[in-house]
Amino acid sequence: MTDDGALRAMIYETRQDVRWIKDTLKEIKEANQAQDERIAEIKARQDKQTGRDGVIAVAISAVVAFFTALASGGWLR
C-alpha cells in the first residue's frame, strides 16, 4: 500500500505541475497578445506619421520647384 500512496502522491504532484504549466502558458499567451496589440498600434502611428512626412516632402518639393522656375525666369517667357 505504500507504493500506491507514493504513486498517488506523485500523480497528484504531477497534476499540480501540469496545472501550473497550463496557467503559466495562458498568462504568457495573454501577455503576447497584449504586446502584439501595442506593436500594431505603434506601427499604425508610424505609418500615419510616414504618410504625413511624405505629404510635407511633396509640398516642399512643389514650392521649391515653383520658386526655382520663377527665379530662372522659366514662367516669365
PDB file of N, CA and C in Angstrom:
ATOM      1  N   MET A   1       0.811  -1.202   0.000  1.00  0.00           N
ATOM      2  CA  MET A   1       0.000   0.000   0.000  1.00  0.00           C
ATOM      3  C   MET A   1       0.857   1.271   0.000  1.00  0.00           C
ATOM      4  N   THR A   2       2.061   1.195   0.499  1.00  0.00           N
ATOM      5  CA  THR A   2       2.910   2.377   0.471  1.00  0.00           C
ATOM      6  C   THR A   2       3.271   2.754  -0.956  1.00  0.00           C
ATOM      7  N   ASP A   3       3.425   1.750  -1.801  1.00  0.00           N
ATOM      8  CA  ASP A   3       3.705   2.059  -3.203  1.00  0.00           C
ATOM      9  C   ASP A   3       2.526   2.783  -3.837  1.00  0.00           C
ATOM     10  N   ASP A   4       1.308   2.353  -3.487  1.00  0.00           N
ATOM     11  CA  ASP A   4       0.118   3.038  -4.008  1.00  0.00           C
ATOM     12  C   ASP A   4       0.040   4.469  -3.499  1.00  0.00           C
ATOM     13  N   GLY A   5       0.357   4.663  -2.237  1.00  0.00           N
ATOM     14  CA  GLY A   5       0.339   6.013  -1.658  1.00  0.00           C
ATOM     15  C   GLY A   5       1.375   6.908  -2.309  1.00  0.00           C
ATOM     16  N   ALA A   6       2.557   6.369  -2.531  1.00  0.00           N
ATOM     17  CA  ALA A   6       3.619   7.146  -3.179  1.00  0.00           C
ATOM     18  C   ALA A   6       3.247   7.455  -4.620  1.00  0.00           C
ATOM     19  N   LEU A   7       2.652   6.480  -5.288  1.00  0.00           N
ATOM     20  CA  LEU A   7       2.222   6.684  -6.668  1.00  0.00           C
ATOM     21  C   LEU A   7       1.139   7.749  -6.752  1.00  0.00           C
ATOM     22  N   ARG A   8       0.183   7.686  -5.818  1.00  0.00           N
ATOM     23  CA  ARG A   8      -0.886   8.705  -5.791  1.00  0.00           C
ATOM     24  C   ARG A   8      -0.313  10.092  -5.520  1.00  0.00           C
ATOM     25  N   ALA A   9       0.637  10.174  -4.602  1.00  0.00           N
ATOM     26  CA  ALA A   9       1.264  11.460  -4.297  1.00  0.00           C
ATOM     27  C   ALA A   9       2.001  12.003  -5.516  1.00  0.00           C
ATOM     28  N   MET A  10       2.683  11.129  -6.238  1.00  0.00           N
ATOM     29  CA  MET A  10       3.406  11.542  -7.438  1.00  0.00           C
ATOM     30  C   MET A  10       2.425  11.996  -8.523  1.00  0.00           C
ATOM     31  N   ILE A  11       1.341  11.276  -8.679  1.00  0.00           N
ATOM     32  CA  ILE A  11       0.327  11.653  -9.676  1.00  0.00           C
ATOM     33  C   ILE A  11      -0.294  13.000  -9.305  1.00  0.00           C
ATOM     34  N   TYR A  12      -0.594  13.195  -8.016  1.00  0.00           N
ATOM     35  CA  TYR A  12      -1.178  14.455  -7.562  1.00  0.00           C
ATOM     36  C   TYR A  12      -0.205  15.611  -7.803  1.00  0.00           C
ATOM     37  N   GLU A  13       1.073  15.386  -7.481  1.00  0.00           N
ATOM     38  CA  GLU A  13       2.074  16.430  -7.694  1.00  0.00           C
ATOM     39  C   GLU A  13       2.239  16.733  -9.175  1.00  0.00           C
ATOM     40  N   THR A  14       2.241  15.710  -9.998  1.00  0.00           N
ATOM     41  CA  THR A  14       2.348  15.906 -11.447  1.00  0.00           C
ATOM     42  C   THR A  14       1.148  16.684 -11.960  1.00  0.00           C
ATOM     43  N   ARG A  15      -0.022  16.364 -11.437  1.00  0.00           N
ATOM     44  CA  ARG A  15      -1.239  17.081 -11.853  1.00  0.00           C
ATOM     45  C   ARG A  15      -1.144  18.560 -11.491  1.00  0.00           C
ATOM     46  N   GLN A  16      -0.621  18.855 -10.296  1.00  0.00           N
ATOM     47  CA  GLN A  16      -0.442  20.253  -9.888  1.00  0.00           C
ATOM     48  C   GLN A  16       0.571  20.961 -10.794  1.00  0.00           C
ATOM     49  N   ASP A  17       1.647  20.252 -11.118  1.00  0.00           N
ATOM     50  CA  ASP A  17       2.661  20.839 -12.008  1.00  0.00           C
ATOM     51  C   ASP A  17       2.073  21.137 -13.385  1.00  0.00           C
ATOM     52  N   VAL A  18       1.299  20.208 -13.904  1.00  0.00           N
ATOM     53  CA  VAL A  18       0.675  20.406 -15.219  1.00  0.00           C
ATOM     54  C   VAL A  18      -0.280  21.595 -15.168  1.00  0.00           C
ATOM     55  N   ARG A  19      -1.042  21.716 -14.103  1.00  0.00           N
ATOM     56  CA  ARG A  19      -1.970  22.853 -13.954  1.00  0.00           C
ATOM     57  C   ARG A  19      -1.191  24.167 -13.904  1.00  0.00           C
ATOM     58  N   TRP A  20      -0.061  24.166 -13.155  1.00  0.00           N
ATOM     59  CA  TRP A  20       0.745  25.373 -13.064  1.00  0.00           C
ATOM     60  C   TRP A  20       1.315  25.732 -14.437  1.00  0.00           C
ATOM     61  N   ILE A  21       1.810  24.748 -15.163  1.00  0.00           N
ATOM     62  CA  ILE A  21       2.358  24.983 -16.503  1.00  0.00           C
ATOM     63  C   ILE A  21       1.272  25.525 -17.426  1.00  0.00           C
ATOM     64  N   LYS A  22       0.087  24.942 -17.355  1.00  0.00           N
ATOM     65  CA  LYS A  22      -1.032  25.390 -18.192  1.00  0.00           C
ATOM     66  C   LYS A  22      -1.388  26.842 -17.885  1.00  0.00           C
ATOM     67  N   ASP A  23      -1.464  27.181 -16.597  1.00  0.00           N
ATOM     68  CA  ASP A  23      -1.788  28.561 -16.212  1.00  0.00           C
ATOM     69  C   ASP A  23      -0.696  29.530 -16.653  1.00  0.00           C
ATOM     70  N   THR A  24       0.551  29.112 -16.516  1.00  0.00           N
ATOM     71  CA  THR A  24       1.670  29.964 -16.928  1.00  0.00           C
ATOM     72  C   THR A  24       1.648  30.198 -18.435  1.00  0.00           C
ATOM     73  N   LEU A  25       1.406  29.143 -19.197  1.00  0.00           N
ATOM     74  CA  LEU A  25       1.316  29.299 -20.658  1.00  0.00           C
ATOM     75  C   LEU A  25       0.164  30.216 -21.047  1.00  0.00           C
ATOM     76  N   LYS A  26      -0.936  30.137 -20.326  1.00  0.00           N
ATOM     77  CA  LYS A  26      -2.077  31.011 -20.603  1.00  0.00           C
ATOM     78  C   LYS A  26      -1.705  32.473 -20.337  1.00  0.00           C
ATOM     79  N   GLU A  27      -0.988  32.720 -19.231  1.00  0.00           N
ATOM     80  CA  GLU A  27      -0.543  34.082 -18.920  1.00  0.00           C
ATOM     81  C   GLU A  27       0.417  34.601 -19.994  1.00  0.00           C
ATOM     82  N   ILE A  28       1.318  33.749 -20.437  1.00  0.00           N
ATOM     83  CA  ILE A  28       2.273  34.145 -21.478  1.00  0.00           C
ATOM     84  C   ILE A  28       1.529  34.475 -22.771  1.00  0.00           C
ATOM     85  N   LYS A  29       0.540  33.663 -23.105  1.00  0.00           N
ATOM     86  CA  LYS A  29      -0.243  33.900 -24.321  1.00  0.00           C
ATOM     87  C   LYS A  29      -0.969  35.243 -24.236  1.00  0.00           C
ATOM     88  N   GLU A  30      -1.564  35.536 -23.089  1.00  0.00           N
ATOM     89  CA  GLU A  30      -2.267  36.816 -22.918  1.00  0.00           C
ATOM     90  C   GLU A  30      -1.290  37.986 -22.996  1.00  0.00           C
ATOM     91  N   ALA A  31      -0.113  37.824 -22.395  1.00  0.00           N
ATOM     92  CA  ALA A  31       0.896  38.889 -22.446  1.00  0.00           C
ATOM     93  C   ALA A  31       1.365  39.106 -23.885  1.00  0.00           C
ATOM     94  N   ASN A  32       1.531  38.030 -24.637  1.00  0.00           N
ATOM     95  CA  ASN A  32       1.944  38.150 -26.043  1.00  0.00           C
ATOM     96  C   ASN A  32       0.871  38.840 -26.875  1.00  0.00           C
ATOM     97  N   GLN A  33      -0.394  38.530 -26.604  1.00  0.00           N
ATOM     98  CA  GLN A  33      -1.475  39.190 -27.337  1.00  0.00           C
ATOM     99  C   GLN A  33      -1.497  40.682 -27.043  1.00  0.00           C
ATOM    100  N   ALA A  34      -1.300  41.041 -25.771  1.00  0.00           N
ATOM    101  CA  ALA A  34      -1.255  42.458 -25.414  1.00  0.00           C
ATOM    102  C   ALA A  34      -0.067  43.140 -26.086  1.00  0.00           C
ATOM    103  N   GLN A  35       1.060  42.462 -26.123  1.00  0.00           N
ATOM    104  CA  GLN A  35       2.246  43.014 -26.792  1.00  0.00           C
ATOM    105  C   GLN A  35       1.992  43.189 -28.286  1.00  0.00           C
ATOM    106  N   ASP A  36       1.348  42.217 -28.912  1.00  0.00           N
ATOM    107  CA  ASP A  36       1.023  42.319 -30.341  1.00  0.00           C
ATOM    108  C   ASP A  36       0.111  43.514 -30.614  1.00  0.00           C
ATOM    109  N   GLU A  37      -0.849  43.749 -29.713  1.00  0.00           N
ATOM    110  CA  GLU A  37      -1.743  44.903 -29.877  1.00  0.00           C
ATOM    111  C   GLU A  37      -0.971  46.209 -29.772  1.00  0.00           C
ATOM    112  N   ARG A  38      -0.036  46.286 -28.816  1.00  0.00           N
ATOM    113  CA  ARG A  38       0.778  47.507 -28.679  1.00  0.00           C
ATOM    114  C   ARG A  38       1.654  47.719 -29.911  1.00  0.00           C
ATOM    115  N   ILE A  39       2.229  46.645 -30.434  1.00  0.00           N
ATOM    116  CA  ILE A  39       3.071  46.753 -31.625  1.00  0.00           C
ATOM    117  C   ILE A  39       2.245  47.224 -32.820  1.00  0.00           C
ATOM    118  N   ALA A  40       1.036  46.688 -32.968  1.00  0.00           N
ATOM    119  CA  ALA A  40       0.171  47.094 -34.074  1.00  0.00           C
ATOM    120  C   ALA A  40      -0.198  48.570 -33.957  1.00  0.00           C
ATOM    121  N   GLU A  41      -0.456  49.023 -32.740  1.00  0.00           N
ATOM    122  CA  GLU A  41      -0.790  50.438 -32.525  1.00  0.00           C
ATOM    123  C   GLU A  41       0.399  51.339 -32.863  1.00  0.00           C
ATOM    124  N   ILE A  42       1.583  50.940 -32.454  1.00  0.00           N
ATOM    125  CA  ILE A  42       2.785  51.727 -32.752  1.00  0.00           C
ATOM    126  C   ILE A  42       3.034  51.756 -34.257  1.00  0.00           C
ATOM    127  N   LYS A  43       2.857  50.623 -34.916  1.00  0.00           N
ATOM    128  CA  LYS A  43       3.048  50.562 -36.368  1.00  0.00           C
ATOM    129  C   LYS A  43       2.044  51.461 -37.086  1.00  0.00           C
ATOM    130  N   ALA A  44       0.797  51.463 -36.631  1.00  0.00           N
ATOM    131  CA  ALA A  44      -0.218  52.318 -37.250  1.00  0.00           C
ATOM    132  C   ALA A  44       0.160  53.794 -37.089  1.00  0.00           C
ATOM    133  N   ARG A  45       0.629  54.148 -35.895  1.00  0.00           N
ATOM    134  CA  ARG A  45       1.054  55.542 -35.678  1.00  0.00           C
ATOM    135  C   ARG A  45       2.239  55.895 -36.559  1.00  0.00           C
ATOM    136  N   GLN A  46       3.175  54.962 -36.681  1.00  0.00           N
ATOM    137  CA  GLN A  46       4.361  55.209 -37.502  1.00  0.00           C
ATOM    138  C   GLN A  46       3.970  55.354 -38.975  1.00  0.00           C
ATOM    139  N   ASP A  47       3.064  54.516 -39.459  1.00  0.00           N
ATOM    140  CA  ASP A  47       2.606  54.620 -40.843  1.00  0.00           C
ATOM    141  C   ASP A  47       1.901  55.952 -41.091  1.00  0.00           C
ATOM    142  N   LYS A  48       1.116  56.373 -40.116  1.00  0.00           N
ATOM    143  CA  LYS A  48       0.418  57.659 -40.236  1.00  0.00           C
ATOM    144  C   LYS A  48       1.428  58.807 -40.308  1.00  0.00           C
ATOM    145  N   GLN A  49       2.454  58.750 -39.446  1.00  0.00           N
ATOM    146  CA  GLN A  49       3.481  59.791 -39.448  1.00  0.00           C
ATOM    147  C   GLN A  49       4.271  59.772 -40.749  1.00  0.00           C
ATOM    148  N   THR A  50       4.567  58.589 -41.266  1.00  0.00           N
ATOM    149  CA  THR A  50       5.284  58.473 -42.535  1.00  0.00           C
ATOM    150  C   THR A  50       4.467  59.090 -43.664  1.00  0.00           C
ATOM    151  N   GLY A  51       3.171  58.868 -43.640  1.00  0.00           N
ATOM    152  CA  GLY A  51       2.288  59.467 -44.640  1.00  0.00           C
ATOM    153  C   GLY A  51       2.316  60.988 -44.569  1.00  0.00           C
ATOM    154  N   ARG A  52       2.272  61.518 -43.345  1.00  0.00           N
ATOM    155  CA  ARG A  52       2.342  62.978 -43.169  1.00  0.00           C
ATOM    156  C   ARG A  52       3.675  63.510 -43.679  1.00  0.00           C
ATOM    157  N   ASP A  53       4.746  62.806 -43.350  1.00  0.00           N
ATOM    158  CA  ASP A  53       6.071  63.250 -43.800  1.00  0.00           C
ATOM    159  C   ASP A  53       6.157  63.251 -45.317  1.00  0.00           C
ATOM    160  N   GLY A  54       5.543  62.252 -45.956  1.00  0.00           N
ATOM    161  CA  GLY A  54       5.532  62.194 -47.421  1.00  0.00           C
ATOM    162  C   GLY A  54       4.798  63.375 -48.025  1.00  0.00           C
ATOM    163  N   VAL A  55       3.664  63.717 -47.436  1.00  0.00           N
ATOM    164  CA  VAL A  55       2.888  64.866 -47.931  1.00  0.00           C
ATOM    165  C   VAL A  55       3.681  66.155 -47.759  1.00  0.00           C
ATOM    166  N   ILE A  56       4.338  66.301 -46.634  1.00  0.00           N
ATOM    167  CA  ILE A  56       5.148  67.509 -46.400  1.00  0.00           C
ATOM    168  C   ILE A  56       6.298  67.574 -47.398  1.00  0.00           C
ATOM    169  N   ALA A  57       6.934  66.443 -47.665  1.00  0.00           N
ATOM    170  CA  ALA A  57       8.047  66.420 -48.624  1.00  0.00           C
ATOM    171  C   ALA A  57       7.574  66.803 -50.019  1.00  0.00           C
ATOM    172  N   VAL A  58       6.406  66.317 -50.423  1.00  0.00           N
ATOM    173  CA  VAL A  58       5.853  66.663 -51.742  1.00  0.00           C
ATOM    174  C   VAL A  58       5.541  68.153 -51.801  1.00  0.00           C
ATOM    175  N   ALA A  59       4.962  68.681 -50.733  1.00  0.00           N
ATOM    176  CA  ALA A  59       4.627  70.109 -50.711  1.00  0.00           C
ATOM    177  C   ALA A  59       5.893  70.967 -50.797  1.00  0.00           C
ATOM    178  N   ILE A  60       6.903  70.579 -50.045  1.00  0.00           N
ATOM    179  CA  ILE A  60       8.160  71.341 -50.077  1.00  0.00           C
ATOM    180  C   ILE A  60       8.788  71.255 -51.465  1.00  0.00           C
ATOM    181  N   SER A  61       8.764  70.082 -52.080  1.00  0.00           N
ATOM    182  CA  SER A  61       9.321  69.925 -53.428  1.00  0.00           C
ATOM    183  C   SER A  61       8.575  70.802 -54.429  1.00  0.00           C
ATOM    184  N   ALA A  62       7.269  70.878 -54.309  1.00  0.00           N
ATOM    185  CA  ALA A  62       6.476  71.707 -55.217  1.00  0.00           C
ATOM    186  C   ALA A  62       6.805  73.187 -55.043  1.00  0.00           C
ATOM    187  N   VAL A  63       6.942  73.615 -53.800  1.00  0.00           N
ATOM    188  CA  VAL A  63       7.273  75.023 -53.536  1.00  0.00           C
ATOM    189  C   VAL A  63       8.668  75.339 -54.067  1.00  0.00           C
ATOM    190  N   VAL A  64       9.628  74.452 -53.841  1.00  0.00           N
ATOM    191  CA  VAL A  64      10.992  74.684 -54.335  1.00  0.00           C
ATOM    192  C   VAL A  64      10.998  74.710 -55.862  1.00  0.00           C
ATOM    193  N   ALA A  65      10.268  73.792 -56.488  1.00  0.00           N
ATOM    194  CA  ALA A  65      10.200  73.779 -57.958  1.00  0.00           C
ATOM    195  C   ALA A  65       9.579  75.067 -58.478  1.00  0.00           C
ATOM    196  N   PHE A  66       8.563  75.554 -57.815  1.00  0.00           N
ATOM    197  CA  PHE A  66       7.895  76.798 -58.222  1.00  0.00           C
ATOM    198  C   PHE A  66       8.869  77.974 -58.160  1.00  0.00           C
ATOM    199  N   PHE A  67       9.546  78.100 -57.007  1.00  0.00           N
ATOM    200  CA  PHE A  67      10.455  79.234 -56.854  1.00  0.00           C
ATOM    201  C   PHE A  67      11.692  79.095 -57.745  1.00  0.00           C
ATOM    202  N   THR A  68      12.123  77.876 -58.002  1.00  0.00           N
ATOM    203  CA  THR A  68      13.248  77.664 -58.925  1.00  0.00           C
ATOM    204  C   THR A  68      12.852  78.094 -60.338  1.00  0.00           C
ATOM    205  N   ALA A  69      11.668  77.687 -60.744  1.00  0.00           N
ATOM    206  CA  ALA A  69      11.192  78.077 -62.075  1.00  0.00           C
ATOM    207  C   ALA A  69      10.986  79.586 -62.146  1.00  0.00           C
ATOM    208  N   LEU A  70      10.466  80.149 -61.077  1.00  0.00           N
ATOM    209  CA  LEU A  70      10.242  81.602 -61.039  1.00  0.00           C
ATOM    210  C   LEU A  70      11.569  82.353 -61.074  1.00  0.00           C
ATOM    211  N   ALA A  71      12.554  81.875 -60.328  1.00  0.00           N
ATOM    212  CA  ALA A  71      13.856  82.552 -60.284  1.00  0.00           C
ATOM    213  C   ALA A  71      14.616  82.422 -61.591  1.00  0.00           C
ATOM    214  N   SER A  72      14.420  81.304 -62.287  1.00  0.00           N
ATOM    215  CA  SER A  72      15.146  81.115 -63.549  1.00  0.00           C
ATOM    216  C   SER A  72      14.441  81.833 -64.711  1.00  0.00           C
ATOM    217  N   GLY A  73      13.288  82.354 -64.440  1.00  0.00           N
ATOM    218  CA  GLY A  73      12.558  83.085 -65.464  1.00  0.00           C
ATOM    219  C   GLY A  73      11.818  82.183 -66.406  1.00  0.00           C
ATOM    220  N   GLY A  74      11.686  80.948 -66.075  1.00  0.00           N
ATOM    221  CA  GLY A  74      11.022  79.991 -66.948  1.00  0.00           C
ATOM    222  C   GLY A  74       9.543  80.288 -67.144  1.00  0.00           C
ATOM    223  N   TRP A  75       8.911  80.909 -66.201  1.00  0.00           N
ATOM    224  CA  TRP A  75       7.482  81.176 -66.334  1.00  0.00           C
ATOM    225  C   TRP A  75       7.218  82.586 -66.889  1.00  0.00           C
ATOM    226  N   LEU A  76       8.261  83.366 -67.001  1.00  0.00           N
ATOM    227  CA  LEU A  76       8.080  84.713 -67.494  1.00  0.00           C
ATOM    228  C   LEU A  76       8.218  84.786 -69.011  1.00  0.00           C
ATOM    229  N   ARG A  77       8.689  83.762 -69.656  1.00  0.00           N
ATOM    230  CA  ARG A  77       8.941  83.797 -71.089  1.00  0.00           C
ATOM    231  C   ARG A  77       7.725  83.519 -71.884  1.00  0.00           C
TER     232      ARG A  77
END
